[in-house]
Amino acid sequence: MSGDNSGGHPHIEWLSDPAVLAPLALLAGVYVWRFGQARREAGGRGAGAVHAAAFAGAMLALVAALASPIDGLGEDYLFSAHMVQHVLLGDIAPLLLLLALSRVIMRPATRRLTRLERALGPLASPIVAIVLWLGVMYLWHVPALYDAAAEHAVVHLLEHVCFFAAGIALWWPLIQPVPMRRRLTGLQPLAYIGAAKAGLAALGLYLTWSATALYPYYERTPRIWGLSPVEDQNVGGVIMMVEQSLTLVVVMVALFVRMLVQSEKEQRRRERLEEAEAARADTRSISI
């Protein structure tokens, strides 16, 4: 732990650990390489502006979480800043990263992922994904584990990896860069994301209204911006609740739009089949 709380002002530092740039640079390099290949193979359908914008957003979220002052504020001063980091790593960055992937971009990995899904059997299902996500989120918010992550770099890294992997697991059944065998159909996607966000919002609600500081580590950190440990914890709970609520609304709107578009496509398909059948019937009647 470092930092000076004189005057209640934190020590602001960018890129406190330059090593985080290596995996980010590798991720960006692999994506740009596959984006170019997919663009040549299938044009905008395989890799378009929406995919590129989503990837840029994912990278921005990862840089903000790992290389901006948010990292230092969360490690040295504020539970609420640590919460912002978790929201970025466990929810926003995985969502945007999966939105950046098309089936053409994922083509080299499709067979491997399909074999993995078959090997996992019933574990490769949306229900397991949502249980895994909520389990990881709640587990790492147990005070002993949360404090251990704040105090020890290796545990902190493991925590970040767990959040990001759980976020990928959560969003995969909705986005499906590679089609799943056990899919969400009908209104199931709405129920799925609603259950996930409500499940985590309950933890945010508890943190928001808690009158007791739950995390000893943040009782020992320097106090900044006039926030007591309990107030800082309450702010962290609000951040979790607001992010979960906003994400839920945005995703539900997107799902409704997708359902309407799919319904319209199905209607047009039925109309074309009916027209083709009518044309064949007319042809048969004329020939008779």
C-alpha atoms as a PDB file:
ATOM      1  CA  MET A   1       0.000   0.000   0.000  1.00  0.00           C
ATOM      2  CA  SER A   2       1.293   3.413  -0.899  1.00  0.00           C
ATOM      3  CA  GLY A   3       0.049   6.920  -1.182  1.00  0.00           C
ATOM      4  CA  ASP A   4      -0.182  10.153   0.726  1.00  0.00           C
ATOM      5  CA  ASN A   5      -3.476  11.366   2.135  1.00  0.00           C
ATOM      6  CA  SER A   6      -2.284  14.838   3.109  1.00  0.00           C
ATOM      7  CA  GLY A   7      -5.106  17.238   2.411  1.00  0.00           C
ATOM      8  CA  GLY A   8      -7.274  14.300   1.363  1.00  0.00           C
ATOM      9  CA  HIS A   9      -5.733  14.199  -2.118  1.00  0.00           C
ATOM     10  CA  PRO A  10      -4.636  10.853  -3.596  1.00  0.00           C
ATOM     11  CA  HIS A  11      -1.466  10.164  -5.507  1.00  0.00           C
ATOM     12  CA  ILE A  12      -2.659   9.770  -9.121  1.00  0.00           C
ATOM     13  CA  GLU A  13      -0.592   7.500 -11.340  1.00  0.00           C
ATOM     14  CA  TRP A  14      -1.033   6.168 -14.856  1.00  0.00           C
ATOM     15  CA  LEU A  15       0.326   2.765 -15.830  1.00  0.00           C
ATOM     16  CA  SER A  16       1.519   1.737 -12.383  1.00  0.00           C
ATOM     17  CA  ASP A  17       2.429  -1.685 -13.819  1.00  0.00           C
ATOM     18  CA  PRO A  18       3.719  -1.473 -17.433  1.00  0.00           C
ATOM     19  CA  ALA A  19       3.591  -5.288 -17.689  1.00  0.00           C
ATOM     20  CA  VAL A  20      -0.185  -5.116 -18.268  1.00  0.00           C
ATOM     21  CA  LEU A  21       0.472  -3.645 -21.707  1.00  0.00           C
ATOM     22  CA  ALA A  22       1.935  -6.933 -22.983  1.00  0.00           C
ATOM     23  CA  PRO A  23      -1.290  -9.020 -22.927  1.00  0.00           C
ATOM     24  CA  LEU A  24      -3.307  -6.031 -24.165  1.00  0.00           C
ATOM     25  CA  ALA A  25      -0.913  -5.547 -27.085  1.00  0.00           C
ATOM     26  CA  LEU A  26      -1.059  -9.283 -27.879  1.00  0.00           C
ATOM     27  CA  LEU A  27      -4.868  -9.240 -27.833  1.00  0.00           C
ATOM     28  CA  ALA A  28      -4.957  -6.189 -30.109  1.00  0.00           C
ATOM     29  CA  GLY A  29      -2.435  -7.714 -32.509  1.00  0.00           C
ATOM     30  CA  VAL A  30      -4.327 -11.008 -32.836  1.00  0.00           C
ATOM     31  CA  TYR A  31      -7.624  -9.201 -33.348  1.00  0.00           C
ATOM     32  CA  VAL A  32      -6.299  -6.814 -36.002  1.00  0.00           C
ATOM     33  CA  TRP A  33      -4.750  -9.771 -37.845  1.00  0.00           C
ATOM     34  CA  ARG A  34      -8.000 -11.769 -37.827  1.00  0.00           C
ATOM     35  CA  PHE A  35     -10.089  -8.682 -38.607  1.00  0.00           C
ATOM     36  CA  GLY A  36      -8.081  -8.105 -41.770  1.00  0.00           C
ATOM     37  CA  GLN A  37      -8.397 -11.740 -42.837  1.00  0.00           C
ATOM     38  CA  ALA A  38     -12.139 -11.817 -42.160  1.00  0.00           C
ATOM     39  CA  ARG A  39     -12.571  -8.577 -44.077  1.00  0.00           C
ATOM     40  CA  ARG A  40     -10.874 -10.097 -47.102  1.00  0.00           C
ATOM     41  CA  GLU A  41     -12.917 -13.306 -46.817  1.00  0.00           C
ATOM     42  CA  ALA A  42     -16.398 -11.892 -46.306  1.00  0.00           C
ATOM     43  CA  GLY A  43     -16.230  -8.102 -46.486  1.00  0.00           C
ATOM     44  CA  GLY A  44     -18.276  -6.085 -44.017  1.00  0.00           C
ATOM     45  CA  ARG A  45     -20.338  -9.109 -43.012  1.00  0.00           C
ATOM     46  CA  GLY A  46     -17.239 -10.831 -41.700  1.00  0.00           C
ATOM     47  CA  ALA A  47     -15.602  -7.780 -40.125  1.00  0.00           C
ATOM     48  CA  GLY A  48     -17.374  -4.452 -40.177  1.00  0.00           C
ATOM     49  CA  ALA A  49     -17.363  -1.076 -38.498  1.00  0.00           C
ATOM     50  CA  VAL A  50     -19.561  -2.303 -35.635  1.00  0.00           C
ATOM     51  CA  HIS A  51     -17.081  -5.072 -34.816  1.00  0.00           C
ATOM     52  CA  ALA A  52     -14.168  -2.634 -34.904  1.00  0.00           C
ATOM     53  CA  ALA A  53     -16.012  -0.132 -32.681  1.00  0.00           C
ATOM     54  CA  ALA A  54     -16.882  -2.851 -30.157  1.00  0.00           C
ATOM     55  CA  PHE A  55     -13.255  -3.980 -30.000  1.00  0.00           C
ATOM     56  CA  ALA A  56     -12.071  -0.407 -29.521  1.00  0.00           C
ATOM     57  CA  GLY A  57     -14.565  -0.088 -26.656  1.00  0.00           C
ATOM     58  CA  ALA A  58     -13.349  -3.332 -25.098  1.00  0.00           C
ATOM     59  CA  MET A  59      -9.735  -2.175 -25.265  1.00  0.00           C
ATOM     60  CA  LEU A  60     -10.691   1.186 -23.766  1.00  0.00           C
ATOM     61  CA  ALA A  61     -12.443  -0.583 -20.879  1.00  0.00           C
ATOM     62  CA  LEU A  62      -9.423  -2.822 -20.271  1.00  0.00           C
ATOM     63  CA  VAL A  63      -6.973   0.086 -20.387  1.00  0.00           C
ATOM     64  CA  ALA A  64      -9.180   2.095 -18.014  1.00  0.00           C
ATOM     65  CA  ALA A  65      -9.324  -0.836 -15.590  1.00  0.00           C
ATOM     66  CA  LEU A  66      -5.661  -1.828 -15.694  1.00  0.00           C
ATOM     67  CA  ALA A  67      -3.580   1.164 -16.773  1.00  0.00           C
ATOM     68  CA  SER A  68      -5.484   4.254 -15.648  1.00  0.00           C
ATOM     69  CA  PRO A  69      -5.525   5.818 -12.132  1.00  0.00           C
ATOM     70  CA  ILE A  70      -8.551   3.612 -11.351  1.00  0.00           C
ATOM     71  CA  ASP A  71      -6.138   0.755 -10.634  1.00  0.00           C
ATOM     72  CA  GLY A  72      -4.057   2.729  -8.135  1.00  0.00           C
ATOM     73  CA  LEU A  73      -7.082   4.313  -6.484  1.00  0.00           C
ATOM     74  CA  GLY A  74      -8.639   0.895  -5.957  1.00  0.00           C
ATOM     75  CA  GLU A  75      -5.430  -0.639  -4.642  1.00  0.00           C
ATOM     76  CA  ASP A  76      -4.321   2.165  -2.331  1.00  0.00           C
ATOM     77  CA  TYR A  77      -7.412   4.130  -1.313  1.00  0.00           C
ATOM     78  CA  LEU A  78     -10.982   3.313  -2.281  1.00  0.00           C
ATOM     79  CA  PHE A  79     -13.252   0.272  -2.316  1.00  0.00           C
ATOM     80  CA  SER A  80     -15.473   2.163  -4.767  1.00  0.00           C
ATOM     81  CA  ALA A  81     -12.612   2.583  -7.251  1.00  0.00           C
ATOM     82  CA  HIS A  82     -11.894  -1.137  -6.944  1.00  0.00           C
ATOM     83  CA  MET A  83     -15.568  -1.728  -7.731  1.00  0.00           C
ATOM     84  CA  VAL A  84     -15.302   0.342 -10.908  1.00  0.00           C
ATOM     85  CA  GLN A  85     -12.352  -1.819 -11.930  1.00  0.00           C
ATOM     86  CA  HIS A  86     -14.374  -4.977 -11.327  1.00  0.00           C
ATOM     87  CA  VAL A  87     -17.335  -3.698 -13.336  1.00  0.00           C
ATOM     88  CA  LEU A  88     -15.051  -2.934 -16.270  1.00  0.00           C
ATOM     89  CA  LEU A  89     -13.234  -6.276 -16.141  1.00  0.00           C
ATOM     90  CA  GLY A  90     -16.128  -8.568 -15.288  1.00  0.00           C
ATOM     91  CA  ASP A  91     -18.959  -7.091 -17.322  1.00  0.00           C
ATOM     92  CA  ILE A  92     -18.267  -4.294 -19.792  1.00  0.00           C
ATOM     93  CA  ALA A  93     -15.000  -5.470 -21.364  1.00  0.00           C
ATOM     94  CA  PRO A  94     -16.179  -9.097 -21.919  1.00  0.00           C
ATOM     95  CA  LEU A  95     -19.465  -7.892 -23.437  1.00  0.00           C
ATOM     96  CA  LEU A  96     -17.753  -5.541 -25.882  1.00  0.00           C
ATOM     97  CA  LEU A  97     -15.066  -8.073 -26.758  1.00  0.00           C
ATOM     98  CA  LEU A  98     -17.635 -10.724 -27.707  1.00  0.00           C
ATOM     99  CA  LEU A  99     -19.605  -8.164 -29.717  1.00  0.00           C
ATOM    100  CA  ALA A 100     -16.381  -7.503 -31.644  1.00  0.00           C
ATOM    101  CA  LEU A 101     -16.275 -11.122 -32.835  1.00  0.00           C
ATOM    102  CA  SER A 102     -18.097 -12.421 -35.879  1.00  0.00           C
ATOM    103  CA  ARG A 103     -18.406 -16.052 -36.889  1.00  0.00           C
ATOM    104  CA  VAL A 104     -15.969 -15.358 -39.709  1.00  0.00           C
ATOM    105  CA  ILE A 105     -13.417 -13.880 -37.298  1.00  0.00           C
ATOM    106  CA  MET A 106     -13.837 -16.915 -35.033  1.00  0.00           C
ATOM    107  CA  ARG A 107     -13.624 -19.437 -37.879  1.00  0.00           C
ATOM    108  CA  PRO A 108     -10.101 -20.745 -37.044  1.00  0.00           C
ATOM    109  CA  ALA A 109     -11.247 -21.577 -33.494  1.00  0.00           C
ATOM    110  CA  THR A 110     -14.743 -22.868 -34.285  1.00  0.00           C
ATOM    111  CA  ARG A 111     -13.919 -26.576 -34.419  1.00  0.00           C
ATOM    112  CA  ARG A 112     -11.833 -26.444 -31.238  1.00  0.00           C
ATOM    113  CA  LEU A 113     -14.572 -24.626 -29.346  1.00  0.00           C
ATOM    114  CA  THR A 114     -17.216 -27.030 -30.659  1.00  0.00           C
ATOM    115  CA  ARG A 115     -15.154 -30.003 -29.472  1.00  0.00           C
ATOM    116  CA  LEU A 116     -14.685 -28.305 -26.095  1.00  0.00           C
ATOM    117  CA  GLU A 117     -18.431 -27.729 -25.780  1.00  0.00           C
ATOM    118  CA  ARG A 118     -19.116 -31.400 -26.521  1.00  0.00           C
ATOM    119  CA  ALA A 119     -16.490 -32.461 -23.992  1.00  0.00           C
ATOM    120  CA  LEU A 120     -18.068 -30.276 -21.317  1.00  0.00           C
ATOM    121  CA  GLY A 121     -21.469 -31.809 -21.981  1.00  0.00           C
ATOM    122  CA  PRO A 122     -24.194 -30.379 -19.700  1.00  0.00           C
ATOM    123  CA  LEU A 123     -21.700 -27.924 -18.189  1.00  0.00           C
ATOM    124  CA  ALA A 124     -21.713 -25.970 -21.482  1.00  0.00           C
ATOM    125  CA  SER A 125     -25.127 -24.428 -20.885  1.00  0.00           C
ATOM    126  CA  PRO A 126     -26.533 -20.964 -20.122  1.00  0.00           C
ATOM    127  CA  ILE A 127     -27.614 -22.070 -16.636  1.00  0.00           C
ATOM    128  CA  VAL A 128     -24.069 -23.078 -15.719  1.00  0.00           C
ATOM    129  CA  ALA A 129     -22.753 -19.815 -17.190  1.00  0.00           C
ATOM    130  CA  ILE A 130     -25.001 -17.664 -15.034  1.00  0.00           C
ATOM    131  CA  VAL A 131     -24.245 -19.720 -11.901  1.00  0.00           C
ATOM    132  CA  LEU A 132     -20.526 -19.444 -12.619  1.00  0.00           C
ATOM    133  CA  TRP A 133     -20.709 -15.664 -13.091  1.00  0.00           C
ATOM    134  CA  LEU A 134     -22.708 -15.027  -9.945  1.00  0.00           C
ATOM    135  CA  GLY A 135     -20.614 -17.514  -7.975  1.00  0.00           C
ATOM    136  CA  VAL A 136     -17.355 -15.833  -8.980  1.00  0.00           C
ATOM    137  CA  MET A 137     -18.705 -12.364  -8.227  1.00  0.00           C
ATOM    138  CA  TYR A 138     -20.031 -13.276  -4.794  1.00  0.00           C
ATOM    139  CA  LEU A 139     -17.014 -15.392  -3.879  1.00  0.00           C
ATOM    140  CA  TRP A 140     -14.490 -12.636  -4.565  1.00  0.00           C
ATOM    141  CA  HIS A 141     -16.560 -10.175  -2.522  1.00  0.00           C
ATOM    142  CA  VAL A 142     -16.114 -12.290   0.602  1.00  0.00           C
ATOM    143  CA  PRO A 143     -14.068  -9.908   2.805  1.00  0.00           C
ATOM    144  CA  ALA A 144     -11.139 -12.293   3.331  1.00  0.00           C
ATOM    145  CA  LEU A 145     -10.680 -12.884  -0.409  1.00  0.00           C
ATOM    146  CA  TYR A 146     -11.342  -9.259  -1.337  1.00  0.00           C
ATOM    147  CA  ASP A 147      -8.732  -8.024   1.141  1.00  0.00           C
ATOM    148  CA  ALA A 148      -6.250 -10.689   0.023  1.00  0.00           C
ATOM    149  CA  ALA A 149      -6.607  -9.492  -3.572  1.00  0.00           C
ATOM    150  CA  ALA A 150      -5.997  -5.898  -2.527  1.00  0.00           C
ATOM    151  CA  GLU A 151      -2.922  -6.833  -0.502  1.00  0.00           C
ATOM    152  CA  HIS A 152      -1.210  -9.420  -2.734  1.00  0.00           C
ATOM    153  CA  ALA A 153      -0.393  -8.884  -6.410  1.00  0.00           C
ATOM    154  CA  VAL A 154      -0.694 -12.564  -7.399  1.00  0.00           C
ATOM    155  CA  VAL A 155      -4.123 -12.902  -5.787  1.00  0.00           C
ATOM    156  CA  HIS A 156      -5.168  -9.637  -7.412  1.00  0.00           C
ATOM    157  CA  LEU A 157      -4.158 -10.987 -10.821  1.00  0.00           C
ATOM    158  CA  LEU A 158      -6.100 -14.200 -10.183  1.00  0.00           C
ATOM    159  CA  GLU A 159      -9.136 -12.138  -9.186  1.00  0.00           C
ATOM    160  CA  HIS A 160      -8.962 -10.153 -12.427  1.00  0.00           C
ATOM    161  CA  VAL A 161      -8.632 -13.301 -14.527  1.00  0.00           C
ATOM    162  CA  CYS A 162     -11.616 -14.870 -12.751  1.00  0.00           C
ATOM    163  CA  PHE A 163     -13.784 -11.783 -13.297  1.00  0.00           C
ATOM    164  CA  PHE A 164     -12.917 -11.545 -16.984  1.00  0.00           C
ATOM    165  CA  ALA A 165     -13.408 -15.283 -17.619  1.00  0.00           C
ATOM    166  CA  ALA A 166     -16.741 -15.259 -15.772  1.00  0.00           C
ATOM    167  CA  GLY A 167     -17.840 -12.250 -17.827  1.00  0.00           C
ATOM    168  CA  ILE A 168     -17.022 -14.113 -21.045  1.00  0.00           C
ATOM    169  CA  ALA A 169     -19.011 -17.100 -19.770  1.00  0.00           C
ATOM    170  CA  LEU A 170     -22.005 -14.880 -18.933  1.00  0.00           C
ATOM    171  CA  TRP A 171     -22.228 -13.069 -22.258  1.00  0.00           C
ATOM    172  CA  TRP A 172     -21.342 -15.989 -24.522  1.00  0.00           C
ATOM    173  CA  PRO A 173     -24.848 -17.601 -24.593  1.00  0.00           C
ATOM    174  CA  LEU A 174     -26.402 -14.276 -25.623  1.00  0.00           C
ATOM    175  CA  ILE A 175     -23.889 -13.269 -28.311  1.00  0.00           C
ATOM    176  CA  GLN A 176     -22.638 -16.682 -29.482  1.00  0.00           C
ATOM    177  CA  PRO A 177     -19.652 -15.835 -31.697  1.00  0.00           C
ATOM    178  CA  VAL A 178     -19.637 -19.613 -32.179  1.00  0.00           C
ATOM    179  CA  PRO A 179     -23.140 -21.198 -32.134  1.00  0.00           C
ATOM    180  CA  MET A 180     -23.982 -23.237 -29.044  1.00  0.00           C
ATOM    181  CA  ARG A 181     -25.801 -26.566 -29.006  1.00  0.00           C
ATOM    182  CA  ARG A 182     -27.830 -25.504 -25.954  1.00  0.00           C
ATOM    183  CA  ARG A 183     -29.245 -22.173 -27.050  1.00  0.00           C
ATOM    184  CA  LEU A 184     -31.534 -19.617 -25.500  1.00  0.00           C
ATOM    185  CA  THR A 185     -34.759 -19.380 -27.499  1.00  0.00           C
ATOM    186  CA  GLY A 186     -37.908 -17.300 -27.419  1.00  0.00           C
ATOM    187  CA  LEU A 187     -38.032 -15.127 -24.318  1.00  0.00           C
ATOM    188  CA  GLN A 188     -35.285 -17.082 -22.581  1.00  0.00           C
ATOM    189  CA  PRO A 189     -32.556 -14.487 -23.347  1.00  0.00           C
ATOM    190  CA  LEU A 190     -34.577 -11.840 -21.505  1.00  0.00           C
ATOM    191  CA  ALA A 191     -35.068 -14.096 -18.491  1.00  0.00           C
ATOM    192  CA  TYR A 192     -31.390 -15.077 -18.574  1.00  0.00           C
ATOM    193  CA  ILE A 193     -29.940 -11.572 -18.466  1.00  0.00           C
ATOM    194  CA  GLY A 194     -32.649 -10.403 -16.061  1.00  0.00           C
ATOM    195  CA  ALA A 195     -31.740 -13.152 -13.590  1.00  0.00           C
ATOM    196  CA  ALA A 196     -28.018 -12.409 -13.894  1.00  0.00           C
ATOM    197  CA  LYS A 197     -28.351  -8.685 -13.325  1.00  0.00           C
ATOM    198  CA  ALA A 198     -30.924  -9.008 -10.538  1.00  0.00           C
ATOM    199  CA  GLY A 199     -28.714 -11.584  -8.838  1.00  0.00           C
ATOM    200  CA  LEU A 200     -25.717  -9.265  -8.718  1.00  0.00           C
ATOM    201  CA  ALA A 201     -27.784  -6.151  -8.014  1.00  0.00           C
ATOM    202  CA  ALA A 202     -28.780  -7.818  -4.737  1.00  0.00           C
ATOM    203  CA  LEU A 203     -25.131  -7.691  -3.648  1.00  0.00           C
ATOM    204  CA  GLY A 204     -24.939  -4.060  -4.746  1.00  0.00           C
ATOM    205  CA  LEU A 205     -28.064  -3.284  -2.721  1.00  0.00           C
ATOM    206  CA  TYR A 206     -26.536  -4.887   0.367  1.00  0.00           C
ATOM    207  CA  LEU A 207     -23.323  -2.895   0.001  1.00  0.00           C
ATOM    208  CA  THR A 208     -25.279   0.301  -0.627  1.00  0.00           C
ATOM    209  CA  TRP A 209     -27.255   0.129   2.616  1.00  0.00           C
ATOM    210  CA  SER A 210     -24.680  -1.546   4.851  1.00  0.00           C
ATOM    211  CA  ALA A 211     -23.914   0.524   7.952  1.00  0.00           C
ATOM    212  CA  THR A 212     -20.807  -1.490   8.813  1.00  0.00           C
ATOM    213  CA  ALA A 213     -17.467  -1.532   7.020  1.00  0.00           C
ATOM    214  CA  LEU A 214     -17.044  -5.081   5.720  1.00  0.00           C
ATOM    215  CA  TYR A 215     -13.487  -4.883   4.402  1.00  0.00           C
ATOM    216  CA  PRO A 216     -10.715  -4.298   6.975  1.00  0.00           C
ATOM    217  CA  TYR A 217      -8.219  -3.441   4.248  1.00  0.00           C
ATOM    218  CA  TYR A 218     -10.164  -0.318   3.296  1.00  0.00           C
ATOM    219  CA  GLU A 219     -10.434   0.717   6.921  1.00  0.00           C
ATOM    220  CA  ARG A 220      -6.640   0.978   6.973  1.00  0.00           C
ATOM    221  CA  THR A 221      -6.148   2.833   3.676  1.00  0.00           C
ATOM    222  CA  PRO A 222      -5.640   6.628   3.678  1.00  0.00           C
ATOM    223  CA  ARG A 223      -8.924   8.522   3.631  1.00  0.00           C
ATOM    224  CA  ILE A 224      -9.457  10.749   0.588  1.00  0.00           C
ATOM    225  CA  TRP A 225     -12.211  13.004  -0.706  1.00  0.00           C
ATOM    226  CA  GLY A 226     -13.925  13.024   2.682  1.00  0.00           C
ATOM    227  CA  LEU A 227     -15.209   9.456   2.347  1.00  0.00           C
ATOM    228  CA  SER A 228     -15.351   7.259   5.426  1.00  0.00           C
ATOM    229  CA  PRO A 229     -14.882   3.489   4.941  1.00  0.00           C
ATOM    230  CA  VAL A 230     -18.648   2.914   5.211  1.00  0.00           C
ATOM    231  CA  GLU A 231     -19.486   5.746   2.802  1.00  0.00           C
ATOM    232  CA  ASP A 232     -16.880   4.468   0.362  1.00  0.00           C
ATOM    233  CA  GLN A 233     -18.434   1.006   0.586  1.00  0.00           C
ATOM    234  CA  ASN A 234     -21.909   2.455   0.012  1.00  0.00           C
ATOM    235  CA  VAL A 235     -20.684   4.294  -3.079  1.00  0.00           C
ATOM    236  CA  GLY A 236     -19.221   1.031  -4.363  1.00  0.00           C
ATOM    237  CA  GLY A 237     -22.603  -0.646  -3.917  1.00  0.00           C
ATOM    238  CA  VAL A 238     -24.323   2.158  -5.825  1.00  0.00           C
ATOM    239  CA  ILE A 239     -21.802   1.806  -8.659  1.00  0.00           C
ATOM    240  CA  MET A 240     -22.548  -1.921  -8.885  1.00  0.00           C
ATOM    241  CA  MET A 241     -26.325  -1.401  -8.829  1.00  0.00           C
ATOM    242  CA  VAL A 242     -26.333   1.415 -11.382  1.00  0.00           C
ATOM    243  CA  GLU A 243     -24.054  -0.463 -13.791  1.00  0.00           C
ATOM    244  CA  GLN A 244     -26.126  -3.632 -13.541  1.00  0.00           C
ATOM    245  CA  SER A 245     -29.360  -1.689 -14.088  1.00  0.00           C
ATOM    246  CA  LEU A 246     -28.071   0.295 -17.068  1.00  0.00           C
ATOM    247  CA  THR A 247     -26.568  -2.789 -18.687  1.00  0.00           C
ATOM    248  CA  LEU A 248     -29.828  -4.684 -18.161  1.00  0.00           C
ATOM    249  CA  VAL A 249     -31.889  -1.946 -19.838  1.00  0.00           C
ATOM    250  CA  VAL A 250     -29.519  -1.580 -22.801  1.00  0.00           C
ATOM    251  CA  VAL A 251     -29.255  -5.321 -23.370  1.00  0.00           C
ATOM    252  CA  MET A 252     -33.003  -5.875 -23.065  1.00  0.00           C
ATOM    253  CA  VAL A 253     -33.673  -3.155 -25.644  1.00  0.00           C
ATOM    254  CA  ALA A 254     -31.094  -4.747 -27.951  1.00  0.00           C
ATOM    255  CA  LEU A 255     -32.678  -8.181 -27.451  1.00  0.00           C
ATOM    256  CA  PHE A 256     -36.159  -6.825 -28.209  1.00  0.00           C
ATOM    257  CA  VAL A 257     -34.872  -5.204 -31.396  1.00  0.00           C
ATOM    258  CA  ARG A 258     -33.127  -8.436 -32.402  1.00  0.00           C
ATOM    259  CA  MET A 259     -36.312 -10.421 -31.776  1.00  0.00           C
ATOM    260  CA  LEU A 260     -38.329  -8.002 -33.914  1.00  0.00           C
ATOM    261  CA  VAL A 261     -35.796  -8.158 -36.730  1.00  0.00           C
ATOM    262  CA  GLN A 262     -35.747 -11.961 -36.622  1.00  0.00           C
ATOM    263  CA  SER A 263     -39.541 -12.053 -36.571  1.00  0.00           C
ATOM    264  CA  GLU A 264     -39.691  -9.792 -39.611  1.00  0.00           C
ATOM    265  CA  LYS A 265     -37.157 -11.971 -41.448  1.00  0.00           C
ATOM    266  CA  GLU A 266     -39.200 -15.083 -40.651  1.00  0.00           C
ATOM    267  CA  GLN A 267     -42.366 -13.377 -41.867  1.00  0.00           C
ATOM    268  CA  ARG A 268     -40.724 -12.395 -45.151  1.00  0.00           C
ATOM    269  CA  ARG A 269     -39.392 -15.928 -45.541  1.00  0.00           C
ATOM    270  CA  ARG A 270     -42.876 -17.382 -45.044  1.00  0.00           C
ATOM    271  CA  GLU A 271     -44.325 -14.920 -47.530  1.00  0.00           C
ATOM    272  CA  ARG A 272     -41.709 -15.887 -50.143  1.00  0.00           C
ATOM    273  CA  LEU A 273     -42.456 -19.580 -49.604  1.00  0.00           C
ATOM    274  CA  GLU A 274     -46.184 -18.948 -49.920  1.00  0.00           C
ATOM    275  CA  GLU A 275     -45.666 -16.933 -53.107  1.00  0.00           C
ATOM    276  CA  ALA A 276     -43.441 -19.671 -54.540  1.00  0.00           C
ATOM    277  CA  GLU A 277     -46.026 -22.326 -53.666  1.00  0.00           C
ATOM    278  CA  ALA A 278     -48.794 -20.246 -55.254  1.00  0.00           C
ATOM    279  CA  ALA A 279     -46.699 -19.795 -58.384  1.00  0.00           C
ATOM    280  CA  ARG A 280     -46.107 -23.562 -58.626  1.00  0.00           C
ATOM    281  CA  ALA A 281     -49.833 -24.202 -58.154  1.00  0.00           C
ATOM    282  CA  ASP A 282     -50.641 -21.752 -60.973  1.00  0.00           C
ATOM    283  CA  THR A 283     -48.102 -23.447 -63.215  1.00  0.00           C
ATOM    284  CA  ARG A 284     -49.623 -26.876 -62.550  1.00  0.00           C
ATOM    285  CA  SER A 285     -53.149 -25.626 -63.236  1.00  0.00           C
ATOM    286  CA  ILE A 286     -52.084 -24.050 -66.529  1.00  0.00           C
ATOM    287  CA  SER A 287     -50.305 -27.219 -67.648  1.00  0.00           C
ATOM    288  CA  ILE A 288     -53.436 -29.251 -66.902  1.00  0.00           C
END
